[in-house]
Amino acid sequence: MNKLKREYQFFRQQTPNVRVLLMTNLLYAFVLPVVEIFVGAYVMRHTSEPVSVAFYQLFMYIGIMATSFVNGFLLRHVSVKVLYAGGILVSGLSMFAMMLVKSLGFVELGIAGFVLGAASGFFWTNRYLLTLNNTTDDSRNYFFGLESFFFSITSITVPLLIGAFISQIDGKEIMGCLIDINGAYRLVTVGVIVVTLFAVAVLWRGKFANPVQKNFLYFRFCTLWKKMLLLASLKGMVQGFLVTAPAILVLKLVGDEGVLGLIQGISGTLTAILVYVLGRIARPEDRPKIFIAGLLVFFIGTLFNGVLFSATGVIIFVLCKVIFQPLFDLPYYPIMMQTIDAVVKIEKRNEYTYILSHEFGLFLGRAFGLILFMALAFAISQDFALKYALILVGALQLIAYPLARNIIKQNQTVF
């Protein structure tokens, strides 16, 4: 109990805005697993085609880029807090709208993906901006360690709870209404909307400032930022697969969503504690070590999936994926924000310039990964794509380690 009390006291020592952001992100952490896992599973159930899930995801990423661009103009006139709150709320409402669609052809998938991505664009870009402006390089390991702890815990509990809920309520009659699998998904989405309302209520307690400089659209950057964009593209490449691949593989080779939640729960608890501890004790110079550990875990997981391509291989891959994501994100975001601090000092531009540019780098990686998957699925077979595209992406990710070390070294020469 004394240790928990000390951790709470350390949390209370953070600035009021940091505490508000962490509490808001804690609540949103209950929403994100629904978006990442169950939307993909919902599309898969209605189309039975992994390519359809990838197509939906591609349009979601196009939506993120579109609203990230629009957000830069809105920041000139609208409070960043309002835009962030809007992204949180619309993410829940857009999911509900998608559940009401009767059929999911490619047109409907594209529209649904774009709308959900548009909501996500407002959420992520304003989240980055608020975090950048309210943390320092020394405090970011703790910030992202605690945030990764939230996301790791909810990535375990939310799929378990929702998987169990869907399994139990499917086919039951409530107040004279027969609940089928689609009705169960809609009830889950209503719960998501309620959580987003609580998140906005917490966010409203913060006092945040918009960027002073209004110009944000630039196309030429220094070499340091170009390296960061390459790192962002590598992250985006694997990110696109991790949103869709686990749900596709589990439904194809293992079972239903309940099993997916159980698999992630096996490794997620220990990973959550590990990442929080690392965030508390790791220094900025320890980030490359954490980075390479995550990359190797992911690559090993893709090898097991590709070689075995069975229920066992999928289980090992998902276990590795659950470990990889927080280990990768914990050093990645502080490196990204340290680099923005450096290039703002070099080029004297609006911080949002680099947040928007970073989203473009992520988009290129995501689009490349998803197009690679769809091309292999159409040209050869879907099984081939699920086996070997992941291995290729995992191998390419290893380039991120020397690149990140070089970026960190160059950042240190600026300060």
Protein backbone atom coordinates (compact mmCIF):
# COMPACT_ATOMS: atom_id res chain seq x y z
CA MET A 1 0.00 0.00 0.00
CA ASN A 2 2.86 2.38 0.75
CA LYS A 3 4.26 1.88 -2.76
CA LEU A 4 0.87 2.63 -4.30
CA LYS A 5 0.58 5.72 -2.12
CA ARG A 6 4.02 6.91 -3.26
CA GLU A 7 3.05 6.41 -6.91
CA TYR A 8 -0.15 8.38 -6.38
CA GLN A 9 1.78 11.17 -4.69
CA PHE A 10 4.21 11.23 -7.64
CA PHE A 11 1.22 11.51 -9.99
CA ARG A 12 -0.12 14.42 -7.90
CA GLN A 13 3.23 16.19 -8.31
CA GLN A 14 2.64 16.52 -12.06
CA THR A 15 1.22 19.80 -13.36
CA PRO A 16 -2.62 20.12 -13.39
CA ASN A 17 -2.74 19.95 -17.20
CA VAL A 18 -0.65 16.76 -17.28
CA ARG A 19 -2.97 15.16 -14.71
CA VAL A 20 -6.03 16.15 -16.76
CA LEU A 21 -4.49 14.72 -19.96
CA LEU A 22 -3.57 11.45 -18.25
CA MET A 23 -7.06 11.04 -16.76
CA THR A 24 -8.69 11.85 -20.12
CA ASN A 25 -6.45 9.34 -21.88
CA LEU A 26 -7.21 6.75 -19.19
CA LEU A 27 -10.90 6.99 -20.01
CA TYR A 28 -10.25 6.95 -23.77
CA ALA A 29 -8.12 3.85 -23.21
CA PHE A 30 -11.42 2.01 -22.64
CA VAL A 31 -12.58 3.12 -26.10
CA LEU A 32 -9.47 2.39 -28.17
CA PRO A 33 -9.54 -1.44 -27.93
CA VAL A 34 -13.10 -1.39 -29.28
CA VAL A 35 -11.93 0.61 -32.30
CA GLU A 36 -8.77 -1.48 -32.82
CA ILE A 37 -10.20 -4.96 -32.35
CA PHE A 38 -13.96 -5.17 -32.54
CA VAL A 39 -14.54 -2.85 -35.49
CA GLY A 40 -12.15 -5.02 -37.53
CA ALA A 41 -13.92 -8.15 -36.27
CA TYR A 42 -17.33 -6.59 -37.07
CA VAL A 43 -16.27 -5.86 -40.66
CA MET A 44 -14.76 -9.35 -40.95
CA ARG A 45 -18.00 -10.98 -39.81
CA HIS A 46 -20.06 -9.02 -42.35
CA THR A 47 -17.76 -9.53 -45.32
CA SER A 48 -15.74 -12.68 -44.48
CA GLU A 49 -12.88 -11.10 -46.42
CA PRO A 50 -9.58 -9.97 -44.81
CA VAL A 51 -9.07 -7.69 -47.84
CA SER A 52 -12.28 -5.85 -46.92
CA VAL A 53 -10.89 -5.14 -43.46
CA ALA A 54 -7.68 -3.80 -45.01
CA PHE A 55 -9.70 -1.66 -47.47
CA TYR A 56 -11.76 -0.24 -44.59
CA GLN A 57 -8.58 0.48 -42.65
CA LEU A 58 -6.95 2.26 -45.61
CA PHE A 59 -9.89 4.68 -45.87
CA MET A 60 -9.77 5.19 -42.13
CA TYR A 61 -6.16 6.37 -42.48
CA ILE A 62 -7.16 8.67 -45.37
CA GLY A 63 -9.78 10.15 -43.01
CA ILE A 64 -7.12 10.74 -40.35
CA MET A 65 -4.95 12.65 -42.82
CA ALA A 66 -7.89 14.73 -44.08
CA THR A 67 -8.95 15.96 -40.64
CA SER A 68 -5.35 16.43 -39.49
CA PHE A 69 -5.03 18.94 -42.35
CA VAL A 70 -8.35 20.64 -41.56
CA ASN A 71 -7.44 20.73 -37.85
CA GLY A 72 -4.48 23.02 -38.60
CA PHE A 73 -6.83 25.68 -40.00
CA LEU A 74 -9.36 25.22 -37.18
CA LEU A 75 -6.64 25.79 -34.57
CA ARG A 76 -6.46 29.41 -35.77
CA HIS A 77 -9.99 30.05 -34.47
CA VAL A 78 -11.09 27.13 -32.23
CA SER A 79 -9.69 26.07 -28.86
CA VAL A 80 -7.51 22.96 -29.00
CA LYS A 81 -9.55 21.61 -26.08
CA VAL A 82 -12.77 21.84 -28.10
CA LEU A 83 -11.18 20.08 -31.08
CA TYR A 84 -9.77 17.32 -28.86
CA ALA A 85 -13.15 16.84 -27.18
CA GLY A 86 -14.83 16.73 -30.59
CA GLY A 87 -12.49 13.96 -31.73
CA ILE A 88 -13.26 11.92 -28.62
CA LEU A 89 -17.04 12.27 -29.02
CA VAL A 90 -17.23 11.74 -32.77
CA SER A 91 -15.16 8.53 -32.54
CA GLY A 92 -17.97 6.95 -30.51
CA LEU A 93 -20.78 8.39 -32.63
CA SER A 94 -19.16 7.35 -35.93
CA MET A 95 -18.86 3.77 -34.69
CA PHE A 96 -22.56 3.82 -33.87
CA ALA A 97 -23.36 5.12 -37.37
CA MET A 98 -21.32 2.29 -38.91
CA MET A 99 -23.24 -0.32 -36.89
CA LEU A 100 -26.51 0.99 -38.38
CA VAL A 101 -25.38 0.33 -41.96
CA LYS A 102 -27.40 -2.57 -43.38
CA SER A 103 -24.82 -3.81 -45.88
CA LEU A 104 -21.07 -3.42 -46.08
CA GLY A 105 -19.97 -3.22 -49.71
CA PHE A 106 -16.75 -1.48 -50.69
CA VAL A 107 -18.49 1.92 -50.95
CA GLU A 108 -20.03 1.60 -47.47
CA LEU A 109 -16.72 0.33 -46.07
CA GLY A 110 -14.86 3.28 -47.56
CA ILE A 111 -17.34 5.83 -46.15
CA ALA A 112 -17.43 4.18 -42.71
CA GLY A 113 -13.64 3.98 -42.56
CA PHE A 114 -13.23 7.59 -43.65
CA VAL A 115 -15.72 8.89 -41.04
CA LEU A 116 -14.13 6.94 -38.18
CA GLY A 117 -10.68 8.02 -39.36
CA ALA A 118 -11.82 11.64 -39.48
CA ALA A 119 -12.77 11.45 -35.79
CA SER A 120 -9.45 9.79 -34.97
CA GLY A 121 -7.57 12.55 -36.80
CA PHE A 122 -8.98 15.21 -34.48
CA PHE A 123 -8.22 13.03 -31.47
CA TRP A 124 -4.61 12.06 -32.21
CA THR A 125 -3.26 15.33 -33.61
CA ASN A 126 -4.67 17.42 -30.76
CA ARG A 127 -3.51 14.81 -28.26
CA TYR A 128 0.05 15.11 -29.61
CA LEU A 129 -0.12 18.90 -29.52
CA LEU A 130 -1.39 19.03 -25.93
CA THR A 131 1.16 16.47 -24.75
CA LEU A 132 4.04 18.26 -26.52
CA ASN A 133 3.17 21.62 -24.97
CA ASN A 134 2.50 20.34 -21.45
CA THR A 135 5.40 17.92 -20.88
CA THR A 136 9.21 18.14 -20.94
CA ASP A 137 11.73 15.63 -22.25
CA ASP A 138 12.50 14.52 -18.70
CA SER A 139 8.83 13.89 -17.83
CA ARG A 140 7.79 12.15 -21.07
CA ASN A 141 9.08 8.70 -20.12
CA TYR A 142 6.76 8.81 -17.09
CA PHE A 143 3.87 10.28 -19.08
CA PHE A 144 3.99 7.68 -21.84
CA GLY A 145 4.87 4.88 -19.41
CA LEU A 146 1.73 5.57 -17.38
CA GLU A 147 -0.32 6.05 -20.53
CA SER A 148 1.00 2.76 -21.97
CA PHE A 149 0.10 1.13 -18.65
CA PHE A 150 -3.48 2.34 -19.10
CA PHE A 151 -3.68 1.15 -22.70
CA SER A 152 -2.08 -2.22 -21.88
CA ILE A 153 -4.49 -2.92 -19.02
CA THR A 154 -7.55 -1.91 -21.03
CA SER A 155 -6.32 -3.89 -24.06
CA ILE A 156 -6.64 -6.92 -21.75
CA THR A 157 -9.79 -6.17 -19.78
CA VAL A 158 -11.93 -4.57 -22.49
CA PRO A 159 -11.64 -7.44 -25.03
CA LEU A 160 -12.22 -9.98 -22.23
CA LEU A 161 -15.30 -8.19 -20.94
CA ILE A 162 -16.76 -7.39 -24.35
CA GLY A 163 -15.97 -10.83 -25.74
CA ALA A 164 -17.75 -12.41 -22.78
CA PHE A 165 -20.64 -9.92 -23.09
CA ILE A 166 -21.14 -10.65 -26.81
CA SER A 167 -20.98 -14.41 -26.25
CA GLN A 168 -23.48 -14.29 -23.38
CA ILE A 169 -26.01 -11.84 -24.80
CA ASP A 170 -26.16 -13.22 -28.36
CA GLY A 171 -29.51 -14.95 -28.82
CA LYS A 172 -30.97 -13.68 -25.53
CA GLU A 173 -34.28 -11.83 -25.27
CA ILE A 174 -34.32 -8.52 -23.36
CA MET A 175 -37.59 -6.63 -22.80
CA GLY A 176 -39.22 -8.52 -25.65
CA CYS A 177 -36.36 -7.88 -28.09
CA LEU A 178 -34.20 -10.72 -29.40
CA ILE A 179 -30.54 -9.65 -29.31
CA ASP A 180 -28.46 -11.01 -32.19
CA ILE A 181 -24.71 -10.53 -32.74
CA ASN A 182 -25.28 -7.17 -34.47
CA GLY A 183 -27.46 -5.97 -31.61
CA ALA A 184 -24.70 -6.93 -29.17
CA TYR A 185 -22.18 -4.83 -31.13
CA ARG A 186 -24.59 -1.88 -31.02
CA LEU A 187 -24.95 -2.16 -27.25
CA VAL A 188 -21.16 -2.13 -26.95
CA THR A 189 -21.05 1.04 -29.06
CA VAL A 190 -23.60 2.75 -26.77
CA GLY A 191 -21.26 1.97 -23.87
CA VAL A 192 -18.38 3.53 -25.81
CA ILE A 193 -20.36 6.77 -26.30
CA VAL A 194 -21.06 6.99 -22.54
CA VAL A 195 -17.33 6.61 -21.76
CA THR A 196 -16.42 9.34 -24.27
CA LEU A 197 -18.81 11.74 -22.49
CA PHE A 198 -16.99 11.12 -19.19
CA ALA A 199 -13.62 11.68 -20.93
CA VAL A 200 -14.76 15.07 -22.28
CA ALA A 201 -16.03 16.10 -18.83
CA VAL A 202 -12.55 15.42 -17.37
CA LEU A 203 -10.78 17.19 -20.25
CA TRP A 204 -12.82 20.34 -19.66
CA ARG A 205 -11.00 20.94 -16.36
CA GLY A 206 -7.71 21.64 -18.19
CA LYS A 207 -6.43 25.04 -19.29
CA PHE A 208 -4.68 24.71 -22.64
CA ALA A 209 -3.27 27.21 -25.13
CA ASN A 210 -3.34 27.12 -28.93
CA PRO A 211 -0.13 27.53 -31.00
CA VAL A 212 0.98 31.17 -31.23
CA GLN A 213 2.11 30.98 -34.86
CA LYS A 214 -0.77 30.40 -37.28
CA ASN A 215 1.12 29.14 -40.37
CA PHE A 216 1.57 25.39 -40.33
CA LEU A 217 1.76 24.19 -43.92
CA TYR A 218 5.33 23.60 -45.13
CA PHE A 219 6.84 21.08 -47.54
CA ARG A 220 10.59 21.51 -47.07
CA PHE A 221 12.27 20.34 -43.87
CA CYS A 222 15.74 19.91 -42.44
CA THR A 223 17.50 16.53 -42.61
CA LEU A 224 16.74 15.76 -38.95
CA TRP A 225 12.99 15.94 -39.52
CA LYS A 226 13.23 13.89 -42.72
CA LYS A 227 14.82 11.12 -40.65
CA MET A 228 11.95 11.37 -38.17
CA LEU A 229 9.45 11.06 -41.03
CA LEU A 230 11.18 7.85 -42.15
CA LEU A 231 10.90 6.52 -38.58
CA ALA A 232 7.20 7.51 -38.56
CA SER A 233 6.67 5.63 -41.84
CA LEU A 234 8.21 2.49 -40.34
CA LYS A 235 5.91 2.79 -37.33
CA GLY A 236 2.91 3.38 -39.59
CA MET A 237 3.74 0.32 -41.65
CA VAL A 238 3.45 -2.01 -38.67
CA GLN A 239 0.57 -0.03 -37.13
CA GLY A 240 -1.67 -0.71 -40.11
CA PHE A 241 -1.17 -4.44 -39.74
CA LEU A 242 -1.59 -4.50 -35.97
CA VAL A 243 -5.05 -2.95 -36.13
CA THR A 244 -6.40 -5.59 -38.52
CA ALA A 245 -4.14 -8.67 -38.49
CA PRO A 246 -4.87 -9.99 -34.94
CA ALA A 247 -8.66 -9.96 -35.45
CA ILE A 248 -8.36 -11.54 -38.93
CA LEU A 249 -5.93 -14.25 -37.79
CA VAL A 250 -7.89 -15.15 -34.66
CA LEU A 251 -11.24 -15.36 -36.47
CA LYS A 252 -9.61 -17.39 -39.27
CA LEU A 253 -7.46 -19.81 -37.27
CA VAL A 254 -8.49 -19.73 -33.60
CA GLY A 255 -12.07 -18.79 -32.83
CA ASP A 256 -14.13 -15.79 -31.81
CA GLU A 257 -13.58 -12.42 -30.12
CA GLY A 258 -13.72 -13.95 -26.65
CA VAL A 259 -10.66 -16.05 -27.47
CA LEU A 260 -8.92 -12.95 -28.84
CA GLY A 261 -9.41 -11.20 -25.51
CA LEU A 262 -8.17 -14.22 -23.54
CA ILE A 263 -4.99 -14.48 -25.63
CA GLN A 264 -4.10 -10.84 -25.07
CA GLY A 265 -4.81 -11.11 -21.36
CA ILE A 266 -2.11 -13.77 -20.86
CA SER A 267 0.80 -11.46 -21.58
CA GLY A 268 -0.72 -8.02 -21.18
CA THR A 269 -0.78 -7.76 -17.39
CA LEU A 270 2.95 -8.32 -16.93
CA THR A 271 3.72 -6.04 -19.89
CA ALA A 272 1.62 -3.24 -18.39
CA ILE A 273 3.51 -3.40 -15.10
CA LEU A 274 6.88 -3.63 -16.90
CA VAL A 275 6.16 -0.57 -19.05
CA TYR A 276 4.99 1.50 -16.08
CA VAL A 277 8.16 0.59 -14.13
CA LEU A 278 10.32 1.42 -17.16
CA GLY A 279 8.55 4.76 -17.53
CA ARG A 280 9.25 5.56 -13.88
CA ILE A 281 12.92 4.57 -13.75
CA ALA A 282 14.21 4.81 -17.34
CA ARG A 283 16.22 7.87 -18.30
CA PRO A 284 16.08 9.51 -21.74
CA GLU A 285 19.35 7.75 -22.69
CA ASP A 286 17.72 4.34 -22.05
CA ARG A 287 15.19 4.74 -24.86
CA PRO A 288 17.20 2.91 -27.59
CA LYS A 289 17.50 -0.22 -25.39
CA ILE A 290 13.74 -0.35 -24.83
CA PHE A 291 13.21 0.31 -28.55
CA ILE A 292 15.28 -2.63 -29.79
CA ALA A 293 13.73 -5.00 -27.22
CA GLY A 294 10.26 -4.25 -28.60
CA LEU A 295 11.37 -4.61 -32.24
CA LEU A 296 12.94 -8.02 -31.64
CA VAL A 297 9.88 -9.33 -29.80
CA PHE A 298 7.63 -8.32 -32.70
CA PHE A 299 9.90 -9.85 -35.36
CA ILE A 300 10.04 -13.15 -33.45
CA GLY A 301 6.23 -13.15 -33.25
CA THR A 302 5.85 -12.68 -37.01
CA LEU A 303 8.24 -15.60 -37.63
CA PHE A 304 6.16 -17.93 -35.44
CA ASN A 305 2.97 -16.84 -37.20
CA GLY A 306 4.43 -17.29 -40.69
CA VAL A 307 6.15 -20.63 -40.06
CA LEU A 308 3.39 -22.32 -38.06
CA PHE A 309 0.32 -20.50 -39.46
CA SER A 310 -1.91 -22.28 -37.00
CA ALA A 311 -3.78 -21.52 -33.80
CA THR A 312 -0.51 -21.93 -31.87
CA GLY A 313 1.36 -19.57 -34.19
CA VAL A 314 -1.39 -16.95 -33.90
CA ILE A 315 -1.40 -17.18 -30.11
CA ILE A 316 2.38 -16.64 -29.98
CA PHE A 317 2.13 -13.76 -32.46
CA VAL A 318 -0.61 -11.98 -30.49
CA LEU A 319 1.33 -12.47 -27.26
CA CYS A 320 4.38 -10.86 -28.89
CA LYS A 321 2.22 -8.09 -30.34
CA VAL A 322 0.83 -7.22 -26.89
CA ILE A 323 4.38 -6.99 -25.51
CA PHE A 324 5.74 -5.11 -28.54
CA GLN A 325 3.26 -2.24 -28.75
CA PRO A 326 3.92 -0.57 -25.37
CA LEU A 327 7.66 -1.30 -25.52
CA PHE A 328 7.80 0.40 -28.92
CA ASP A 329 5.55 3.36 -28.05
CA LEU A 330 7.26 4.12 -24.72
CA PRO A 331 10.50 5.37 -26.37
CA TYR A 332 8.99 6.34 -29.74
CA TYR A 333 6.76 9.21 -28.63
CA PRO A 334 9.38 10.91 -26.42
CA ILE A 335 11.85 10.64 -29.32
CA MET A 336 9.29 12.15 -31.68
CA MET A 337 8.51 15.03 -29.31
CA GLN A 338 12.18 15.66 -28.53
CA THR A 339 12.76 15.90 -32.28
CA ILE A 340 9.88 18.38 -32.67
CA ASP A 341 11.39 20.49 -29.88
CA ALA A 342 14.71 20.40 -31.75
CA VAL A 343 13.39 21.25 -35.23
CA VAL A 344 11.14 24.02 -33.85
CA LYS A 345 14.33 25.53 -32.42
CA ILE A 346 16.13 25.08 -35.77
CA GLU A 347 13.40 26.18 -38.19
CA LYS A 348 11.33 28.52 -35.94
CA ARG A 349 7.98 27.13 -37.06
CA ASN A 350 4.61 26.27 -35.50
CA GLU A 351 4.70 22.97 -33.56
CA TYR A 352 1.62 21.79 -35.44
CA THR A 353 3.65 21.92 -38.67
CA TYR A 354 5.53 18.85 -37.47
CA ILE A 355 2.53 17.09 -35.96
CA LEU A 356 0.74 17.28 -39.33
CA SER A 357 3.89 16.24 -41.18
CA HIS A 358 4.32 13.34 -38.74
CA GLU A 359 0.78 12.16 -39.51
CA PHE A 360 1.68 12.19 -43.20
CA GLY A 361 4.73 10.03 -42.46
CA LEU A 362 2.55 7.59 -40.51
CA PHE A 363 0.02 7.58 -43.37
CA LEU A 364 2.65 6.66 -45.98
CA GLY A 365 3.74 3.71 -43.85
CA ARG A 366 0.18 2.59 -43.13
CA ALA A 367 -0.86 2.88 -46.78
CA PHE A 368 2.24 0.98 -47.95
CA GLY A 369 1.61 -1.84 -45.47
CA LEU A 370 -2.08 -2.20 -46.29
CA ILE A 371 -1.55 -1.94 -50.06
CA LEU A 372 1.20 -4.56 -49.75
CA PHE A 373 -1.24 -6.86 -47.93
CA MET A 374 -4.02 -6.35 -50.49
CA ALA A 375 -1.62 -6.77 -53.44
CA LEU A 376 -0.28 -10.07 -52.08
CA ALA A 377 -3.82 -11.25 -51.28
CA PHE A 378 -5.07 -10.55 -54.81
CA ALA A 379 -1.92 -11.59 -56.69
CA ILE A 380 -1.18 -14.78 -54.75
CA SER A 381 -3.55 -15.61 -51.87
CA GLN A 382 -4.87 -14.21 -48.61
CA ASP A 383 -3.06 -16.90 -46.61
CA PHE A 384 0.22 -15.94 -48.26
CA ALA A 385 -0.38 -12.29 -47.35
CA LEU A 386 -1.21 -13.16 -43.73
CA LYS A 387 1.91 -15.33 -43.47
CA TYR A 388 4.65 -13.38 -45.21
CA ALA A 389 3.61 -9.71 -45.33
CA LEU A 390 3.88 -9.60 -41.54
CA ILE A 391 7.38 -11.13 -41.62
CA LEU A 392 8.47 -8.58 -44.23
CA VAL A 393 7.09 -5.70 -42.16
CA GLY A 394 8.71 -7.09 -39.00
CA ALA A 395 12.08 -7.31 -40.74
CA LEU A 396 11.82 -3.76 -42.08
CA GLN A 397 11.02 -2.53 -38.57
CA LEU A 398 14.51 -3.52 -37.42
CA ILE A 399 15.85 -0.58 -39.47
CA ALA A 400 14.12 1.68 -36.94
CA TYR A 401 16.70 0.96 -34.24
CA PRO A 402 19.83 2.48 -35.86
CA LEU A 403 17.67 5.27 -37.28
CA ALA A 404 16.29 6.16 -33.83
CA ARG A 405 19.80 6.16 -32.31
CA ASN A 406 20.98 8.55 -35.03
CA ILE A 407 18.00 10.88 -34.45
CA ILE A 408 18.60 10.97 -30.68
CA LYS A 409 22.28 11.73 -31.22
CA GLN A 410 21.47 14.59 -33.59
CA ASN A 411 18.83 15.99 -31.22
CA GLN A 412 21.42 16.22 -28.46
CA THR A 413 23.59 18.51 -30.60
CA VAL A 414 20.72 21.03 -30.83
CA PHE A 415 20.14 21.51 -27.09
